[in-house]
Amino acid sequence: MRLSSVDGRPCVFGCCDSRDELVHYLVCPVLWQFAREHLKFQEHSIQVYHRLCLCDPSVEKFKMLAFCHSLYHSCVNDLECIDNEGLPNSSQVVQLRAADLARHSFHLVGG
C-alpha cells in the first residue's frame, strides 16, 4: 500500500538525522542544490525567511521555492523514490531519480 506520509520517515533525499518534515526541507542542502543547479540561480542567503520570500522577495526566490516544492512532491509520489511501505529508497537511487524529475519541475516554474 502506498502512503503519502509515514510517521518518522527520514529525509527523502538522504540527509542524515533529518526527518520528512517541512522545517527540514526549507534547509535541506540536497533539495536546494537541485534548485540552484537546474535554475542556475545563486542564493545570497540560506536563511529560511529568505527562502520563503519573506525578506527581499524576487522572481528567482519564488521560482526556487516553487521548484523545491514541485521536486519534493514529484519524488515522494514516485514509485522509484518511495517503496511500498512509504519509506525512501536509498539516497543514491532517490537523488538519481530526482535529477530526472528535476527537468519536469524546471519547466513547471518557467525556468
PDB file of N, CA and C in Angstrom:
ATOM      1  N   MET A   1       0.837  -1.189   0.000  1.00  0.00           N
ATOM      2  CA  MET A   1       0.000   0.000   0.000  1.00  0.00           C
ATOM      3  C   MET A   1       0.878   1.246   0.000  1.00  0.00           C
ATOM      4  N   ARG A   2       0.603   2.190  -0.866  1.00  0.00           N
ATOM      5  CA  ARG A   2       1.357   3.437  -0.944  1.00  0.00           C
ATOM      6  C   ARG A   2       0.811   4.409   0.097  1.00  0.00           C
ATOM      7  N   LEU A   3       1.699   5.021   0.830  1.00  0.00           N
ATOM      8  CA  LEU A   3       1.309   6.006   1.830  1.00  0.00           C
ATOM      9  C   LEU A   3       1.914   7.344   1.451  1.00  0.00           C
ATOM     10  N   SER A   4       1.158   8.413   1.597  1.00  0.00           N
ATOM     11  CA  SER A   4       1.701   9.725   1.269  1.00  0.00           C
ATOM     12  C   SER A   4       2.615  10.234   2.369  1.00  0.00           C
ATOM     13  N   SER A   5       2.459   9.723   3.566  1.00  0.00           N
ATOM     14  CA  SER A   5       3.296  10.158   4.670  1.00  0.00           C
ATOM     15  C   SER A   5       3.430   9.028   5.677  1.00  0.00           C
ATOM     16  N   VAL A   6       4.620   8.881   6.190  1.00  0.00           N
ATOM     17  CA  VAL A   6       4.887   7.863   7.192  1.00  0.00           C
ATOM     18  C   VAL A   6       5.509   8.561   8.389  1.00  0.00           C
ATOM     19  N   ASP A   7       4.911   8.354   9.561  1.00  0.00           N
ATOM     20  CA  ASP A   7       5.452   8.970  10.769  1.00  0.00           C
ATOM     21  C   ASP A   7       6.912   8.588  10.952  1.00  0.00           C
ATOM     22  N   GLY A   8       7.751   9.589  11.162  1.00  0.00           N
ATOM     23  CA  GLY A   8       9.161   9.340  11.416  1.00  0.00           C
ATOM     24  C   GLY A   8       9.974   9.016  10.183  1.00  0.00           C
ATOM     25  N   ARG A   9       9.383   9.149   9.001  1.00  0.00           N
ATOM     26  CA  ARG A   9      10.117   8.859   7.765  1.00  0.00           C
ATOM     27  C   ARG A   9      11.321   9.788   7.672  1.00  0.00           C
ATOM     28  N   PRO A  10      12.478   9.267   7.249  1.00  0.00           N
ATOM     29  CA  PRO A  10      13.656  10.129   7.111  1.00  0.00           C
ATOM     30  C   PRO A  10      13.545  11.018   5.874  1.00  0.00           C
ATOM     31  N   CYS A  11      14.447  11.965   5.778  1.00  0.00           N
ATOM     32  CA  CYS A  11      14.515  12.842   4.606  1.00  0.00           C
ATOM     33  C   CYS A  11      14.535  11.997   3.346  1.00  0.00           C
ATOM     34  N   VAL A  12      13.699  12.320   2.413  1.00  0.00           N
ATOM     35  CA  VAL A  12      13.590  11.585   1.165  1.00  0.00           C
ATOM     36  C   VAL A  12      14.912  11.606   0.400  1.00  0.00           C
ATOM     37  N   PHE A  13      15.666  12.691   0.523  1.00  0.00           N
ATOM     38  CA  PHE A  13      16.902  12.854  -0.243  1.00  0.00           C
ATOM     39  C   PHE A  13      18.121  12.276   0.461  1.00  0.00           C
ATOM     40  N   GLY A  14      17.942  11.746   1.670  1.00  0.00           N
ATOM     41  CA  GLY A  14      19.013  11.045   2.341  1.00  0.00           C
ATOM     42  C   GLY A  14      19.814  11.823   3.363  1.00  0.00           C
ATOM     43  N   CYS A  15      19.339  12.985   3.782  1.00  0.00           N
ATOM     44  CA  CYS A  15      20.060  13.747   4.798  1.00  0.00           C
ATOM     45  C   CYS A  15      20.054  12.970   6.118  1.00  0.00           C
ATOM     46  N   CYS A  16      21.235  12.776   6.693  1.00  0.00           N
ATOM     47  CA  CYS A  16      21.365  12.024   7.947  1.00  0.00           C
ATOM     48  C   CYS A  16      20.671  12.763   9.087  1.00  0.00           C
ATOM     49  N   ASP A  17      20.018  12.021   9.935  1.00  0.00           N
ATOM     50  CA  ASP A  17      19.370  12.552  11.135  1.00  0.00           C
ATOM     51  C   ASP A  17      18.332  13.630  10.847  1.00  0.00           C
ATOM     52  N   SER A  18      17.724  13.602   9.658  1.00  0.00           N
ATOM     53  CA  SER A  18      16.680  14.567   9.305  1.00  0.00           C
ATOM     54  C   SER A  18      15.419  13.808   8.947  1.00  0.00           C
ATOM     55  N   ARG A  19      14.303  14.379   9.366  1.00  0.00           N
ATOM     56  CA  ARG A  19      13.014  13.722   9.117  1.00  0.00           C
ATOM     57  C   ARG A  19      12.286  14.385   7.959  1.00  0.00           C
ATOM     58  N   ASP A  20      11.302  13.673   7.466  1.00  0.00           N
ATOM     59  CA  ASP A  20      10.469  14.138   6.360  1.00  0.00           C
ATOM     60  C   ASP A  20       9.479  15.167   6.895  1.00  0.00           C
ATOM     61  N   GLU A  21       9.978  16.385   7.095  1.00  0.00           N
ATOM     62  CA  GLU A  21       9.170  17.476   7.653  1.00  0.00           C
ATOM     63  C   GLU A  21       9.463  18.766   6.902  1.00  0.00           C
ATOM     64  N   LEU A  22       8.472  19.598   6.808  1.00  0.00           N
ATOM     65  CA  LEU A  22       8.623  20.873   6.120  1.00  0.00           C
ATOM     66  C   LEU A  22       9.810  21.663   6.645  1.00  0.00           C
ATOM     67  N   VAL A  23       9.957  21.719   7.959  1.00  0.00           N
ATOM     68  CA  VAL A  23      11.037  22.509   8.545  1.00  0.00           C
ATOM     69  C   VAL A  23      12.404  22.041   8.033  1.00  0.00           C
ATOM     70  N   HIS A  24      12.559  20.759   7.790  1.00  0.00           N
ATOM     71  CA  HIS A  24      13.830  20.269   7.238  1.00  0.00           C
ATOM     72  C   HIS A  24      13.982  20.679   5.779  1.00  0.00           C
ATOM     73  N   TYR A  25      12.930  20.523   4.985  1.00  0.00           N
ATOM     74  CA  TYR A  25      13.054  20.791   3.558  1.00  0.00           C
ATOM     75  C   TYR A  25      13.303  22.270   3.250  1.00  0.00           C
ATOM     76  N   LEU A  26      13.028  23.135   4.184  1.00  0.00           N
ATOM     77  CA  LEU A  26      13.358  24.550   3.985  1.00  0.00           C
ATOM     78  C   LEU A  26      14.862  24.793   4.073  1.00  0.00           C
ATOM     79  N   VAL A  27      15.589  23.832   4.639  1.00  0.00           N
ATOM     80  CA  VAL A  27      17.048  23.957   4.739  1.00  0.00           C
ATOM     81  C   VAL A  27      17.786  22.771   4.107  1.00  0.00           C
ATOM     82  N   CYS A  28      17.088  21.812   3.554  1.00  0.00           N
ATOM     83  CA  CYS A  28      17.692  20.595   3.004  1.00  0.00           C
ATOM     84  C   CYS A  28      18.740  20.951   1.936  1.00  0.00           C
ATOM     85  N   PRO A  29      20.001  20.647   2.202  1.00  0.00           N
ATOM     86  CA  PRO A  29      21.044  21.038   1.244  1.00  0.00           C
ATOM     87  C   PRO A  29      20.920  20.328  -0.103  1.00  0.00           C
ATOM     88  N   VAL A  30      20.454  19.105  -0.105  1.00  0.00           N
ATOM     89  CA  VAL A  30      20.326  18.357  -1.362  1.00  0.00           C
ATOM     90  C   VAL A  30      19.222  18.959  -2.227  1.00  0.00           C
ATOM     91  N   LEU A  31      18.075  19.186  -1.646  1.00  0.00           N
ATOM     92  CA  LEU A  31      16.942  19.741  -2.384  1.00  0.00           C
ATOM     93  C   LEU A  31      17.269  21.109  -2.968  1.00  0.00           C
ATOM     94  N   TRP A  32      17.851  21.980  -2.153  1.00  0.00           N
ATOM     95  CA  TRP A  32      18.145  23.337  -2.626  1.00  0.00           C
ATOM     96  C   TRP A  32      19.305  23.357  -3.621  1.00  0.00           C
ATOM     97  N   GLN A  33      20.205  22.376  -3.549  1.00  0.00           N
ATOM     98  CA  GLN A  33      21.265  22.286  -4.552  1.00  0.00           C
ATOM     99  C   GLN A  33      20.674  21.931  -5.914  1.00  0.00           C
ATOM    100  N   PHE A  34      19.683  21.041  -5.923  1.00  0.00           N
ATOM    101  CA  PHE A  34      18.990  20.747  -7.177  1.00  0.00           C
ATOM    102  C   PHE A  34      18.394  22.029  -7.763  1.00  0.00           C
ATOM    103  N   ALA A  35      17.780  22.849  -6.921  1.00  0.00           N
ATOM    104  CA  ALA A  35      17.172  24.100  -7.397  1.00  0.00           C
ATOM    105  C   ALA A  35      18.234  25.036  -7.981  1.00  0.00           C
ATOM    106  N   ARG A  36      19.323  25.214  -7.263  1.00  0.00           N
ATOM    107  CA  ARG A  36      20.385  26.113  -7.755  1.00  0.00           C
ATOM    108  C   ARG A  36      20.951  25.617  -9.081  1.00  0.00           C
ATOM    109  N   GLU A  37      21.202  24.321  -9.174  1.00  0.00           N
ATOM    110  CA  GLU A  37      21.803  23.764 -10.388  1.00  0.00           C
ATOM    111  C   GLU A  37      20.878  23.848 -11.590  1.00  0.00           C
ATOM    112  N   HIS A  38      19.623  23.499 -11.399  1.00  0.00           N
ATOM    113  CA  HIS A  38      18.718  23.461 -12.541  1.00  0.00           C
ATOM    114  C   HIS A  38      18.217  24.833 -12.961  1.00  0.00           C
ATOM    115  N   LEU A  39      18.042  25.718 -12.002  1.00  0.00           N
ATOM    116  CA  LEU A  39      17.566  27.054 -12.344  1.00  0.00           C
ATOM    117  C   LEU A  39      18.717  28.011 -12.642  1.00  0.00           C
ATOM    118  N   LYS A  40      19.923  27.587 -12.289  1.00  0.00           N
ATOM    119  CA  LYS A  40      21.134  28.396 -12.499  1.00  0.00           C
ATOM    120  C   LYS A  40      21.043  29.743 -11.774  1.00  0.00           C
ATOM    121  N   PHE A  41      20.510  29.686 -10.555  1.00  0.00           N
ATOM    122  CA  PHE A  41      20.422  30.872  -9.698  1.00  0.00           C
ATOM    123  C   PHE A  41      21.423  30.731  -8.565  1.00  0.00           C
ATOM    124  N   GLN A  42      21.892  31.861  -8.080  1.00  0.00           N
ATOM    125  CA  GLN A  42      22.716  31.882  -6.880  1.00  0.00           C
ATOM    126  C   GLN A  42      21.834  32.275  -5.722  1.00  0.00           C
ATOM    127  N   GLU A  43      22.096  31.660  -4.598  1.00  0.00           N
ATOM    128  CA  GLU A  43      21.383  32.031  -3.383  1.00  0.00           C
ATOM    129  C   GLU A  43      22.279  32.960  -2.587  1.00  0.00           C
ATOM    130  N   HIS A  44      21.772  34.129  -2.257  1.00  0.00           N
ATOM    131  CA  HIS A  44      22.564  35.075  -1.485  1.00  0.00           C
ATOM    132  C   HIS A  44      22.396  34.840   0.009  1.00  0.00           C
ATOM    133  N   SER A  45      21.344  34.136   0.386  1.00  0.00           N
ATOM    134  CA  SER A  45      21.115  33.806   1.788  1.00  0.00           C
ATOM    135  C   SER A  45      20.387  32.473   1.858  1.00  0.00           C
ATOM    136  N   ILE A  46      20.804  31.641   2.812  1.00  0.00           N
ATOM    137  CA  ILE A  46      20.113  30.366   3.007  1.00  0.00           C
ATOM    138  C   ILE A  46      19.182  30.432   4.215  1.00  0.00           C
ATOM    139  N   GLN A  47      18.961  31.622   4.724  1.00  0.00           N
ATOM    140  CA  GLN A  47      18.043  31.793   5.846  1.00  0.00           C
ATOM    141  C   GLN A  47      16.626  31.455   5.392  1.00  0.00           C
ATOM    142  N   VAL A  48      15.878  30.804   6.266  1.00  0.00           N
ATOM    143  CA  VAL A  48      14.528  30.352   5.929  1.00  0.00           C
ATOM    144  C   VAL A  48      13.642  31.506   5.490  1.00  0.00           C
ATOM    145  N   TYR A  49      13.709  32.648   6.153  1.00  0.00           N
ATOM    146  CA  TYR A  49      12.832  33.759   5.776  1.00  0.00           C
ATOM    147  C   TYR A  49      13.170  34.295   4.392  1.00  0.00           C
ATOM    148  N   HIS A  50      14.409  34.109   3.927  1.00  0.00           N
ATOM    149  CA  HIS A  50      14.746  34.463   2.543  1.00  0.00           C
ATOM    150  C   HIS A  50      14.171  33.418   1.591  1.00  0.00           C
ATOM    151  N   ARG A  51      14.317  32.144   1.943  1.00  0.00           N
ATOM    152  CA  ARG A  51      13.815  31.075   1.079  1.00  0.00           C
ATOM    153  C   ARG A  51      12.303  31.101   0.961  1.00  0.00           C
ATOM    154  N   LEU A  52      11.616  31.580   1.993  1.00  0.00           N
ATOM    155  CA  LEU A  52      10.154  31.706   1.940  1.00  0.00           C
ATOM    156  C   LEU A  52       9.701  33.014   1.302  1.00  0.00           C
ATOM    157  N   CYS A  53      10.663  33.810   0.842  1.00  0.00           N
ATOM    158  CA  CYS A  53      10.399  35.085   0.166  1.00  0.00           C
ATOM    159  C   CYS A  53       9.773  36.117   1.101  1.00  0.00           C
ATOM    160  N   LEU A  54      10.044  36.002   2.385  1.00  0.00           N
ATOM    161  CA  LEU A  54       9.535  36.966   3.359  1.00  0.00           C
ATOM    162  C   LEU A  54      10.447  38.181   3.472  1.00  0.00           C
ATOM    163  N   CYS A  55      11.671  38.042   3.014  1.00  0.00           N
ATOM    164  CA  CYS A  55      12.649  39.125   3.061  1.00  0.00           C
ATOM    165  C   CYS A  55      13.261  39.266   1.669  1.00  0.00           C
ATOM    166  N   ASP A  56      13.263  40.477   1.156  1.00  0.00           N
ATOM    167  CA  ASP A  56      13.817  40.743  -0.176  1.00  0.00           C
ATOM    168  C   ASP A  56      13.282  39.778  -1.235  1.00  0.00           C
ATOM    169  N   PRO A  57      11.963  39.702  -1.410  1.00  0.00           N
ATOM    170  CA  PRO A  57      11.405  38.762  -2.391  1.00  0.00           C
ATOM    171  C   PRO A  57      11.872  39.098  -3.808  1.00  0.00           C
ATOM    172  N   SER A  58      12.002  38.074  -4.602  1.00  0.00           N
ATOM    173  CA  SER A  58      12.379  38.254  -6.007  1.00  0.00           C
ATOM    174  C   SER A  58      11.778  37.114  -6.820  1.00  0.00           C
ATOM    175  N   VAL A  59      11.745  37.293  -8.112  1.00  0.00           N
ATOM    176  CA  VAL A  59      11.222  36.257  -9.001  1.00  0.00           C
ATOM    177  C   VAL A  59      12.065  34.996  -8.867  1.00  0.00           C
ATOM    178  N   GLU A  60      13.391  35.157  -8.779  1.00  0.00           N
ATOM    179  CA  GLU A  60      14.273  33.995  -8.647  1.00  0.00           C
ATOM    180  C   GLU A  60      13.969  33.204  -7.369  1.00  0.00           C
ATOM    181  N   LYS A  61      13.759  33.902  -6.258  1.00  0.00           N
ATOM    182  CA  LYS A  61      13.468  33.215  -4.997  1.00  0.00           C
ATOM    183  C   LYS A  61      12.138  32.472  -5.075  1.00  0.00           C
ATOM    184  N   PHE A  62      11.135  33.092  -5.688  1.00  0.00           N
ATOM    185  CA  PHE A  62       9.840  32.418  -5.842  1.00  0.00           C
ATOM    186  C   PHE A  62       9.977  31.184  -6.730  1.00  0.00           C
ATOM    187  N   LYS A  63      10.766  31.285  -7.788  1.00  0.00           N
ATOM    188  CA  LYS A  63      10.974  30.138  -8.668  1.00  0.00           C
ATOM    189  C   LYS A  63      11.702  29.016  -7.933  1.00  0.00           C
ATOM    190  N   MET A  64      12.693  29.370  -7.117  1.00  0.00           N
ATOM    191  CA  MET A  64      13.417  28.343  -6.361  1.00  0.00           C
ATOM    192  C   MET A  64      12.481  27.640  -5.380  1.00  0.00           C
ATOM    193  N   LEU A  65      11.655  28.413  -4.695  1.00  0.00           N
ATOM    194  CA  LEU A  65      10.710  27.833  -3.740  1.00  0.00           C
ATOM    195  C   LEU A  65       9.711  26.923  -4.467  1.00  0.00           C
ATOM    196  N   ALA A  66       9.193  27.379  -5.585  1.00  0.00           N
ATOM    197  CA  ALA A  66       8.250  26.570  -6.364  1.00  0.00           C
ATOM    198  C   ALA A  66       8.924  25.314  -6.902  1.00  0.00           C
ATOM    199  N   PHE A  67      10.164  25.441  -7.342  1.00  0.00           N
ATOM    200  CA  PHE A  67      10.916  24.292  -7.846  1.00  0.00           C
ATOM    201  C   PHE A  67      11.090  23.248  -6.741  1.00  0.00           C
ATOM    202  N   CYS A  68      11.503  23.685  -5.552  1.00  0.00           N
ATOM    203  CA  CYS A  68      11.706  22.756  -4.433  1.00  0.00           C
ATOM    204  C   CYS A  68      10.402  22.063  -4.057  1.00  0.00           C
ATOM    205  N   HIS A  69       9.320  22.811  -4.030  1.00  0.00           N
ATOM    206  CA  HIS A  69       8.006  22.241  -3.733  1.00  0.00           C
ATOM    207  C   HIS A  69       7.648  21.170  -4.758  1.00  0.00           C
ATOM    208  N   SER A  70       7.803  21.500  -6.018  1.00  0.00           N
ATOM    209  CA  SER A  70       7.457  20.577  -7.094  1.00  0.00           C
ATOM    210  C   SER A  70       8.341  19.326  -7.071  1.00  0.00           C
ATOM    211  N   LEU A  71       9.652  19.520  -6.891  1.00  0.00           N
ATOM    212  CA  LEU A  71      10.558  18.377  -6.902  1.00  0.00           C
ATOM    213  C   LEU A  71      10.304  17.459  -5.712  1.00  0.00           C
ATOM    214  N   TYR A  72      10.096  18.024  -4.541  1.00  0.00           N
ATOM    215  CA  TYR A  72       9.804  17.204  -3.368  1.00  0.00           C
ATOM    216  C   TYR A  72       8.570  16.338  -3.629  1.00  0.00           C
ATOM    217  N   HIS A  73       7.487  16.947  -4.096  1.00  0.00           N
ATOM    218  CA  HIS A  73       6.247  16.195  -4.309  1.00  0.00           C
ATOM    219  C   HIS A  73       6.385  15.194  -5.450  1.00  0.00           C
ATOM    220  N   SER A  74       7.179  15.524  -6.446  1.00  0.00           N
ATOM    221  CA  SER A  74       7.431  14.557  -7.519  1.00  0.00           C
ATOM    222  C   SER A  74       8.137  13.324  -6.965  1.00  0.00           C
ATOM    223  N   CYS A  75       9.099  13.552  -6.079  1.00  0.00           N
ATOM    224  CA  CYS A  75       9.859  12.434  -5.504  1.00  0.00           C
ATOM    225  C   CYS A  75       9.023  11.590  -4.557  1.00  0.00           C
ATOM    226  N   VAL A  76       8.268  12.206  -3.667  1.00  0.00           N
ATOM    227  CA  VAL A  76       7.510  11.408  -2.692  1.00  0.00           C
ATOM    228  C   VAL A  76       6.342  10.667  -3.332  1.00  0.00           C
ATOM    229  N   ASN A  77       5.973  11.041  -4.537  1.00  0.00           N
ATOM    230  CA  ASN A  77       4.900  10.352  -5.239  1.00  0.00           C
ATOM    231  C   ASN A  77       5.417   9.447  -6.359  1.00  0.00           C
ATOM    232  N   ASP A  78       6.720   9.236  -6.385  1.00  0.00           N
ATOM    233  CA  ASP A  78       7.343   8.445  -7.433  1.00  0.00           C
ATOM    234  C   ASP A  78       7.652   7.042  -6.920  1.00  0.00           C
ATOM    235  N   LEU A  79       7.282   6.019  -7.687  1.00  0.00           N
ATOM    236  CA  LEU A  79       7.491   4.628  -7.272  1.00  0.00           C
ATOM    237  C   LEU A  79       8.962   4.245  -7.187  1.00  0.00           C
ATOM    238  N   GLU A  80       9.838   4.948  -7.881  1.00  0.00           N
ATOM    239  CA  GLU A  80      11.267   4.647  -7.796  1.00  0.00           C
ATOM    240  C   GLU A  80      11.901   5.269  -6.554  1.00  0.00           C
ATOM    241  N   CYS A  81      11.303   6.318  -6.039  1.00  0.00           N
ATOM    242  CA  CYS A  81      11.855   7.012  -4.867  1.00  0.00           C
ATOM    243  C   CYS A  81      11.333   6.441  -3.557  1.00  0.00           C
ATOM    244  N   ILE A  82      10.065   6.094  -3.528  1.00  0.00           N
ATOM    245  CA  ILE A  82       9.414   5.637  -2.298  1.00  0.00           C
ATOM    246  C   ILE A  82       8.966   4.187  -2.475  1.00  0.00           C
ATOM    247  N   ASP A  83       9.304   3.356  -1.498  1.00  0.00           N
ATOM    248  CA  ASP A  83       8.937   1.945  -1.605  1.00  0.00           C
ATOM    249  C   ASP A  83       7.481   1.713  -1.197  1.00  0.00           C
ATOM    250  N   ASN A  84       7.045   0.467  -1.231  1.00  0.00           N
ATOM    251  CA  ASN A  84       5.651   0.121  -0.932  1.00  0.00           C
ATOM    252  C   ASN A  84       5.263   0.387   0.510  1.00  0.00           C
ATOM    253  N   GLU A  85       6.233   0.496   1.395  1.00  0.00           N
ATOM    254  CA  GLU A  85       5.965   0.788   2.801  1.00  0.00           C
ATOM    255  C   GLU A  85       5.905   2.292   3.065  1.00  0.00           C
ATOM    256  N   GLY A  86       6.164   3.092   2.045  1.00  0.00           N
ATOM    257  CA  GLY A  86       6.141   4.540   2.202  1.00  0.00           C
ATOM    258  C   GLY A  86       7.464   5.122   2.636  1.00  0.00           C
ATOM    259  N   LEU A  87       8.524   4.323   2.589  1.00  0.00           N
ATOM    260  CA  LEU A  87       9.849   4.789   3.001  1.00  0.00           C
ATOM    261  C   LEU A  87      10.713   5.070   1.778  1.00  0.00           C
ATOM    262  N   PRO A  88      11.650   6.018   1.893  1.00  0.00           N
ATOM    263  CA  PRO A  88      12.510   6.324   0.748  1.00  0.00           C
ATOM    264  C   PRO A  88      13.446   5.165   0.426  1.00  0.00           C
ATOM    265  N   ASN A  89      13.702   4.967  -0.843  1.00  0.00           N
ATOM    266  CA  ASN A  89      14.743   4.032  -1.261  1.00  0.00           C
ATOM    267  C   ASN A  89      16.089   4.656  -0.920  1.00  0.00           C
ATOM    268  N   SER A  90      17.173   4.046  -1.289  1.00  0.00           N
ATOM    269  CA  SER A  90      18.496   4.572  -0.943  1.00  0.00           C
ATOM    270  C   SER A  90      18.642   5.997  -1.483  1.00  0.00           C
ATOM    271  N   SER A  91      19.438   6.785  -0.786  1.00  0.00           N
ATOM    272  CA  SER A  91      19.622   8.180  -1.201  1.00  0.00           C
ATOM    273  C   SER A  91      20.199   8.257  -2.608  1.00  0.00           C
ATOM    274  N   GLN A  92      21.047   7.309  -2.980  1.00  0.00           N
ATOM    275  CA  GLN A  92      21.622   7.307  -4.320  1.00  0.00           C
ATOM    276  C   GLN A  92      20.527   7.126  -5.371  1.00  0.00           C
ATOM    277  N   VAL A  93      19.628   6.194  -5.131  1.00  0.00           N
ATOM    278  CA  VAL A  93      18.523   5.941  -6.061  1.00  0.00           C
ATOM    279  C   VAL A  93      17.613   7.162  -6.146  1.00  0.00           C
ATOM    280  N   VAL A  94      17.257   7.719  -4.992  1.00  0.00           N
ATOM    281  CA  VAL A  94      16.354   8.876  -4.956  1.00  0.00           C
ATOM    282  C   VAL A  94      16.996  10.070  -5.648  1.00  0.00           C
ATOM    283  N   GLN A  95      18.251  10.323  -5.380  1.00  0.00           N
ATOM    284  CA  GLN A  95      18.897  11.501  -5.977  1.00  0.00           C
ATOM    285  C   GLN A  95      19.081  11.349  -7.485  1.00  0.00           C
ATOM    286  N   LEU A  96      19.360  10.140  -7.963  1.00  0.00           N
ATOM    287  CA  LEU A  96      19.433   9.928  -9.410  1.00  0.00           C
ATOM    288  C   LEU A  96      18.067  10.156 -10.055  1.00  0.00           C
ATOM    289  N   ARG A  97      17.034   9.644  -9.420  1.00  0.00           N
ATOM    290  CA  ARG A  97      15.677   9.834  -9.940  1.00  0.00           C
ATOM    291  C   ARG A  97      15.271  11.301  -9.852  1.00  0.00           C
ATOM    292  N   ALA A  98      15.650  11.969  -8.756  1.00  0.00           N
ATOM    293  CA  ALA A  98      15.338  13.391  -8.585  1.00  0.00           C
ATOM    294  C   ALA A  98      15.969  14.226  -9.693  1.00  0.00           C
ATOM    295  N   ALA A  99      17.154  13.837 -10.135  1.00  0.00           N
ATOM    296  CA  ALA A  99      17.800  14.557 -11.235  1.00  0.00           C
ATOM    297  C   ALA A  99      16.947  14.488 -12.501  1.00  0.00           C
ATOM    298  N   ASP A 100      16.333  13.328 -12.742  1.00  0.00           N
ATOM    299  CA  ASP A 100      15.430  13.196 -13.893  1.00  0.00           C
ATOM    300  C   ASP A 100      14.147  14.005 -13.679  1.00  0.00           C
ATOM    301  N   LEU A 101      13.573  13.890 -12.492  1.00  0.00           N
ATOM    302  CA  LEU A 101      12.326  14.600 -12.194  1.00  0.00           C
ATOM    303  C   LEU A 101      12.523  16.113 -12.166  1.00  0.00           C
ATOM    304  N   ALA A 102      13.727  16.558 -11.895  1.00  0.00           N
ATOM    305  CA  ALA A 102      14.011  17.994 -11.819  1.00  0.00           C
ATOM    306  C   ALA A 102      13.766  18.688 -13.159  1.00  0.00           C
ATOM    307  N   ARG A 103      13.947  17.971 -14.243  1.00  0.00           N
ATOM    308  CA  ARG A 103      13.695  18.577 -15.559  1.00  0.00           C
ATOM    309  C   ARG A 103      12.233  18.989 -15.695  1.00  0.00           C
ATOM    310  N   HIS A 104      11.347  18.170 -15.163  1.00  0.00           N
ATOM    311  CA  HIS A 104       9.917  18.485 -15.190  1.00  0.00           C
ATOM    312  C   HIS A 104       9.617  19.679 -14.285  1.00  0.00           C
ATOM    313  N   SER A 105      10.201  19.684 -13.095  1.00  0.00           N
ATOM    314  CA  SER A 105       9.998  20.792 -12.168  1.00  0.00           C
ATOM    315  C   SER A 105      10.530  22.100 -12.761  1.00  0.00           C
ATOM    316  N   PHE A 106      11.630  22.005 -13.462  1.00  0.00           N
ATOM    317  CA  PHE A 106      12.234  23.171 -14.104  1.00  0.00           C
ATOM    318  C   PHE A 106      11.244  23.823 -15.065  1.00  0.00           C
ATOM    319  N   HIS A 107      10.579  23.026 -15.848  1.00  0.00           N
ATOM    320  CA  HIS A 107       9.624  23.567 -16.820  1.00  0.00           C
ATOM    321  C   HIS A 107       8.354  24.087 -16.139  1.00  0.00           C
ATOM    322  N   LEU A 108       7.960  23.487 -15.024  1.00  0.00           N
ATOM    323  CA  LEU A 108       6.770  23.943 -14.315  1.00  0.00           C
ATOM    324  C   LEU A 108       6.922  25.349 -13.752  1.00  0.00           C
ATOM    325  N   VAL A 109       8.145  25.728 -13.371  1.00  0.00           N
ATOM    326  CA  VAL A 109       8.347  27.043 -12.777  1.00  0.00           C
ATOM    327  C   VAL A 109       8.842  28.075 -13.782  1.00  0.00           C
ATOM    328  N   GLY A 110       8.840  27.709 -15.041  1.00  0.00           N
ATOM    329  CA  GLY A 110       9.251  28.659 -16.074  1.00  0.00           C
ATOM    330  C   GLY A 110      10.731  28.938 -16.056  1.00  0.00           C
ATOM    331  N   GLY A 111      11.525  27.901 -15.782  1.00  0.00           N
ATOM    332  CA  GLY A 111      12.979  28.015 -15.688  1.00  0.00           C
ATOM    333  C   GLY A 111      13.651  28.354 -16.926  1.00  0.00           C
TER     334      GLY A 111
END
